[in-house]
Protein backbone atom coordinates (compact mmCIF):
# COMPACT_ATOMS: atom_id res chain seq x y z
CA MET A 1 -3.95 36.15 -6.48
CA GLY A 2 -4.03 38.06 -3.27
CA GLY A 3 -1.42 38.64 -0.59
CA HIS A 4 2.33 38.49 -0.81
CA LEU A 5 4.19 35.35 -1.76
CA ARG A 6 6.49 33.94 0.89
CA PRO A 7 9.87 32.51 -0.15
CA GLY A 8 9.21 29.03 -1.47
CA ALA A 9 5.46 29.61 -1.84
CA GLY A 10 4.00 28.51 -5.16
CA TRP A 11 1.72 30.40 -7.47
CA PRO A 12 -1.87 29.14 -7.47
CA PHE A 13 -1.82 27.69 -11.01
CA ARG A 14 -4.88 26.00 -12.51
CA VAL A 15 -5.62 24.44 -15.89
CA GLY A 16 -9.11 24.32 -17.39
CA VAL A 17 -10.54 27.32 -15.56
CA VAL A 18 -12.05 28.45 -18.86
CA GLN A 19 -13.41 25.73 -21.12
CA LYS A 20 -14.48 25.86 -24.75
CA THR A 21 -17.77 23.96 -24.93
CA ALA A 22 -18.26 23.78 -28.72
CA ALA A 23 -16.27 23.91 -31.93
CA THR A 24 -15.72 27.26 -33.65
CA THR A 25 -14.38 28.35 -37.01
CA ALA A 26 -10.57 28.50 -37.17
CA PHE A 27 -8.95 31.94 -37.45
CA ARG A 28 -6.23 30.78 -39.83
CA GLY A 29 -6.43 32.32 -43.28
CA LYS A 30 -9.24 34.71 -42.33
CA THR A 31 -9.25 38.49 -42.57
CA TRP A 32 -9.01 40.50 -39.35
CA ARG A 33 -12.70 41.39 -39.61
CA SER A 34 -13.67 37.72 -40.02
CA ARG A 35 -11.50 36.72 -37.03
CA TYR A 36 -13.12 39.47 -34.97
CA GLU A 37 -16.60 38.19 -35.89
CA ILE A 38 -15.63 34.61 -35.02
CA ALA A 39 -14.21 35.69 -31.65
CA GLU A 40 -17.23 37.80 -30.72
CA HIS A 41 -20.08 35.71 -32.11
CA GLU A 42 -18.78 32.12 -32.05
CA LEU A 43 -16.00 31.87 -29.48
CA ARG A 44 -17.21 34.17 -26.71
CA PRO A 45 -20.60 32.42 -26.28
CA VAL A 46 -19.02 28.94 -25.94
CA LEU A 47 -16.37 29.82 -23.34
CA LYS A 48 -17.50 28.77 -19.87
CA VAL A 49 -16.03 28.94 -16.37
CA PRO A 50 -17.33 25.74 -14.74
CA SER A 51 -16.13 26.69 -11.22
CA PRO A 52 -16.63 30.46 -10.85
CA GLU A 53 -15.58 30.29 -7.20
CA LEU A 54 -12.00 29.81 -8.44
CA VAL A 55 -11.95 33.31 -9.97
CA SER A 56 -14.65 35.27 -8.16
CA GLY A 57 -13.17 38.35 -6.48
CA ARG A 58 -9.67 37.52 -7.72
CA ARG A 59 -7.07 38.94 -10.04
CA VAL A 60 -6.38 36.35 -12.75
CA LEU A 61 -3.27 35.92 -14.88
CA VAL A 62 -3.86 34.05 -18.16
CA TYR A 63 -0.89 32.19 -19.64
CA ASP A 64 -0.78 31.84 -23.43
CA ASP A 65 1.81 30.50 -25.85
CA VAL A 66 1.47 33.09 -28.65
CA TYR A 67 -0.15 36.52 -28.81
CA THR A 68 -1.40 37.38 -32.27
CA GLU A 69 -3.92 40.20 -31.95
CA GLY A 70 -5.68 39.64 -28.66
CA LEU A 71 -9.07 38.50 -29.92
CA THR A 72 -8.97 35.17 -28.08
CA LEU A 73 -7.67 36.81 -24.89
CA ARG A 74 -10.47 39.34 -25.08
CA ALA A 75 -13.05 36.53 -25.21
CA VAL A 76 -11.34 34.60 -22.39
CA ALA A 77 -11.08 37.73 -20.23
CA SER A 78 -14.75 38.47 -20.78
CA SER A 79 -15.67 34.97 -19.59
CA LEU A 80 -13.49 35.34 -16.51
CA ARG A 81 -14.94 38.77 -15.65
CA ASP A 82 -18.47 37.42 -16.15
CA ALA A 83 -17.55 34.71 -13.61
CA GLY A 84 -16.49 37.35 -11.09
CA ALA A 85 -12.78 37.99 -11.72
CA VAL A 86 -11.95 41.58 -10.79
CA GLU A 87 -8.95 41.84 -13.11
CA VAL A 88 -7.57 39.75 -15.96
CA SER A 89 -4.01 40.08 -17.28
CA GLU A 90 -1.99 37.96 -19.69
CA ILE A 91 1.52 36.65 -20.01
CA VAL A 92 2.71 35.12 -23.28
CA LEU A 93 5.79 33.27 -24.49
CA ALA A 94 5.91 34.84 -27.95
CA ARG A 95 4.32 37.53 -30.06
CA GLU A 96 3.58 37.06 -33.73
CA PRO A 97 5.72 39.47 -35.79
CA TYR A 98 4.06 42.67 -36.94
CA LYS A 99 2.66 42.41 -40.46
CA ARG A 100 1.94 45.55 -42.37
CA THR A 101 -1.44 45.42 -44.10
CA GLN A 102 -2.24 47.54 -47.10
């Protein structure tokens, strides 16, 4: 988030920068189209950045445990950009295996 890291310098890591303010329908067991609709019309409107000054004018790296199809990241990134982040990237621990749909 700006500048070069010095040896021993820590990354500015924060939890709770984006908060979900209401319950939404679970993605599990839903078709891709249904998950897309949930992400766009239920999830995106209830994601809030309570302290926009933490991200305004900054490049933000989002840490996630599993990447499935990017719908949640897309909603989170939109919230961060709306709060002033200039760039949003993601790092994940695992990717769900590819599933061929017919």
